[in-house]
């Protein structure tokens, strides 16, 4: 069973490396945010697998904290993007076509 958990941990570690490359290369901020979500989710899975493989229940607590921080990161990103979209709509010239006489 330990060998299987080690193989799964190596697979998840490879997935983390691919997510890190996607965060580094981009190309869009949304792609980077999705990759960071993948990074957080895979990190939680890796911590849970390692907790089971090594018999360290404290890693489950660390995985829970990482999951909560990952949710906060996505909320902050969405709030930022929605705020940017709102300011772009507010400053667009075709929003109000009435003449100011």
C-alpha atoms as a PDB file:
ATOM      1  CA  UNK A   1       0.000   0.000   0.000  1.00  0.00           C
ATOM      2  CA  UNK A   2       2.865   2.356   0.764  1.00  0.00           C
ATOM      3  CA  UNK A   3       4.295   1.849  -2.729  1.00  0.00           C
ATOM      4  CA  UNK A   4       0.958   2.836  -4.273  1.00  0.00           C
ATOM      5  CA  UNK A   5       0.770   5.966  -2.114  1.00  0.00           C
ATOM      6  CA  UNK A   6       4.345   6.866  -3.064  1.00  0.00           C
ATOM      7  CA  UNK A   7       3.516   6.514  -6.765  1.00  0.00           C
ATOM      8  CA  UNK A   8       0.432   8.692  -6.332  1.00  0.00           C
ATOM      9  CA  UNK A   9       2.526  11.269  -4.443  1.00  0.00           C
ATOM     10  CA  UNK A  10       5.070  11.352  -7.284  1.00  0.00           C
ATOM     11  CA  UNK A  11       2.280  11.803  -9.833  1.00  0.00           C
ATOM     12  CA  UNK A  12       0.845  14.687  -7.803  1.00  0.00           C
ATOM     13  CA  UNK A  13       4.293  16.226  -7.474  1.00  0.00           C
ATOM     14  CA  UNK A  14       4.653  16.131 -11.269  1.00  0.00           C
ATOM     15  CA  UNK A  15       1.261  17.776 -11.543  1.00  0.00           C
ATOM     16  CA  UNK A  16       2.458  20.514  -9.186  1.00  0.00           C
ATOM     17  CA  UNK A  17       5.481  21.128 -11.380  1.00  0.00           C
ATOM     18  CA  UNK A  18       3.293  21.450 -14.483  1.00  0.00           C
ATOM     19  CA  UNK A  19       1.022  23.894 -12.652  1.00  0.00           C
ATOM     20  CA  UNK A  20       4.063  25.914 -11.627  1.00  0.00           C
ATOM     21  CA  UNK A  21       5.156  26.119 -15.267  1.00  0.00           C
ATOM     22  CA  UNK A  22       1.676  27.317 -16.261  1.00  0.00           C
ATOM     23  CA  UNK A  23       1.749  29.964 -13.531  1.00  0.00           C
ATOM     24  CA  UNK A  24       5.160  31.131 -14.736  1.00  0.00           C
ATOM     25  CA  UNK A  25       4.329  31.235 -18.472  1.00  0.00           C
ATOM     26  CA  UNK A  26       0.775  32.543 -18.408  1.00  0.00           C
ATOM     27  CA  UNK A  27      -0.349  33.844 -20.958  1.00  0.00           C
ATOM     28  CA  UNK A  28      -3.400  35.460 -19.335  1.00  0.00           C
ATOM     29  CA  UNK A  29      -4.050  36.319 -15.685  1.00  0.00           C
ATOM     30  CA  UNK A  30      -7.049  33.982 -15.749  1.00  0.00           C
ATOM     31  CA  UNK A  31      -4.830  31.113 -16.893  1.00  0.00           C
ATOM     32  CA  UNK A  32      -2.419  31.859 -14.097  1.00  0.00           C
ATOM     33  CA  UNK A  33      -5.227  31.914 -11.555  1.00  0.00           C
ATOM     34  CA  UNK A  34      -6.613  28.595 -12.746  1.00  0.00           C
ATOM     35  CA  UNK A  35      -3.127  27.123 -12.531  1.00  0.00           C
ATOM     36  CA  UNK A  36      -2.762  28.430  -8.999  1.00  0.00           C
ATOM     37  CA  UNK A  37      -6.104  26.816  -8.138  1.00  0.00           C
ATOM     38  CA  UNK A  38      -4.739  23.577  -9.585  1.00  0.00           C
ATOM     39  CA  UNK A  39      -1.621  24.143  -7.497  1.00  0.00           C
ATOM     40  CA  UNK A  40      -3.702  24.532  -4.332  1.00  0.00           C
ATOM     41  CA  UNK A  41      -5.951  21.548  -5.041  1.00  0.00           C
ATOM     42  CA  UNK A  42      -3.051  19.292  -5.951  1.00  0.00           C
ATOM     43  CA  UNK A  43      -1.143  20.499  -2.904  1.00  0.00           C
ATOM     44  CA  UNK A  44      -4.067  19.513  -0.691  1.00  0.00           C
ATOM     45  CA  UNK A  45      -4.238  16.086  -2.353  1.00  0.00           C
ATOM     46  CA  UNK A  46      -0.484  15.612  -1.982  1.00  0.00           C
ATOM     47  CA  UNK A  47      -0.596  16.527   1.699  1.00  0.00           C
ATOM     48  CA  UNK A  48      -3.472  14.100   2.305  1.00  0.00           C
ATOM     49  CA  UNK A  49      -1.630  11.286   0.519  1.00  0.00           C
ATOM     50  CA  UNK A  50       1.545  11.987   2.486  1.00  0.00           C
ATOM     51  CA  UNK A  51      -0.424  12.110   5.739  1.00  0.00           C
ATOM     52  CA  UNK A  52      -1.744   8.623   5.041  1.00  0.00           C
ATOM     53  CA  UNK A  53       1.550   7.219   3.742  1.00  0.00           C
ATOM     54  CA  UNK A  54       3.664   8.500   6.616  1.00  0.00           C
ATOM     55  CA  UNK A  55       1.092   8.242   9.378  1.00  0.00           C
ATOM     56  CA  UNK A  56       1.197  11.951  10.187  1.00  0.00           C
ATOM     57  CA  UNK A  57      -2.327  13.169  10.953  1.00  0.00           C
ATOM     58  CA  UNK A  58      -1.038  16.726  11.435  1.00  0.00           C
ATOM     59  CA  UNK A  59      -0.561  16.969   7.650  1.00  0.00           C
ATOM     60  CA  UNK A  60      -4.344  16.759   7.327  1.00  0.00           C
ATOM     61  CA  UNK A  61      -4.608  19.993   9.286  1.00  0.00           C
ATOM     62  CA  UNK A  62      -2.062  21.628   6.999  1.00  0.00           C
ATOM     63  CA  UNK A  63      -4.067  20.412   3.977  1.00  0.00           C
ATOM     64  CA  UNK A  64      -7.220  21.956   5.436  1.00  0.00           C
ATOM     65  CA  UNK A  65      -5.495  25.301   5.922  1.00  0.00           C
ATOM     66  CA  UNK A  66      -4.128  25.185   2.371  1.00  0.00           C
ATOM     67  CA  UNK A  67      -7.632  24.480   1.056  1.00  0.00           C
ATOM     68  CA  UNK A  68      -9.018  27.491   2.929  1.00  0.00           C
ATOM     69  CA  UNK A  69      -6.242  29.747   1.656  1.00  0.00           C
ATOM     70  CA  UNK A  70      -6.857  28.530  -1.873  1.00  0.00           C
ATOM     71  CA  UNK A  71     -10.517  29.525  -1.641  1.00  0.00           C
ATOM     72  CA  UNK A  72      -9.556  32.962  -0.358  1.00  0.00           C
ATOM     73  CA  UNK A  73      -7.143  33.406  -3.257  1.00  0.00           C
ATOM     74  CA  UNK A  74      -9.813  32.671  -5.855  1.00  0.00           C
ATOM     75  CA  UNK A  75     -12.287  35.008  -4.136  1.00  0.00           C
ATOM     76  CA  UNK A  76      -9.679  37.789  -4.159  1.00  0.00           C
ATOM     77  CA  UNK A  77      -8.951  37.178  -7.841  1.00  0.00           C
ATOM     78  CA  UNK A  78     -12.607  37.189  -8.860  1.00  0.00           C
ATOM     79  CA  UNK A  79     -13.256  40.321  -6.821  1.00  0.00           C
ATOM     80  CA  UNK A  80     -10.334  42.028  -8.543  1.00  0.00           C
ATOM     81  CA  UNK A  81     -11.450  40.987 -12.029  1.00  0.00           C
ATOM     82  CA  UNK A  82     -15.045  42.039 -11.412  1.00  0.00           C
ATOM     83  CA  UNK A  83     -13.804  45.374 -10.102  1.00  0.00           C
ATOM     84  CA  UNK A  84     -11.665  45.880 -13.217  1.00  0.00           C
ATOM     85  CA  UNK A  85     -14.581  44.978 -15.476  1.00  0.00           C
ATOM     86  CA  UNK A  86     -16.840  47.436 -13.679  1.00  0.00           C
ATOM     87  CA  UNK A  87     -14.359  50.290 -14.012  1.00  0.00           C
ATOM     88  CA  UNK A  88     -13.902  49.534 -17.724  1.00  0.00           C
ATOM     89  CA  UNK A  89     -17.671  49.657 -18.233  1.00  0.00           C
ATOM     90  CA  UNK A  90     -17.936  52.883 -16.234  1.00  0.00           C
ATOM     91  CA  UNK A  91     -15.313  54.626 -18.364  1.00  0.00           C
ATOM     92  CA  UNK A  92     -16.469  53.355 -21.751  1.00  0.00           C
ATOM     93  CA  UNK A  93     -17.555  56.211 -24.045  1.00  0.00           C
ATOM     94  CA  UNK A  94     -20.553  54.370 -25.505  1.00  0.00           C
ATOM     95  CA  UNK A  95     -22.173  53.830 -22.111  1.00  0.00           C
ATOM     96  CA  UNK A  96     -24.123  57.052 -22.128  1.00  0.00           C
ATOM     97  CA  UNK A  97     -24.960  58.432 -25.566  1.00  0.00           C
ATOM     98  CA  UNK A  98     -27.042  61.356 -24.338  1.00  0.00           C
ATOM     99  CA  UNK A  99     -25.831  64.806 -25.315  1.00  0.00           C
ATOM    100  CA  UNK A 100     -24.913  67.105 -22.477  1.00  0.00           C
ATOM    101  CA  UNK A 101     -26.571  70.368 -23.573  1.00  0.00           C
END
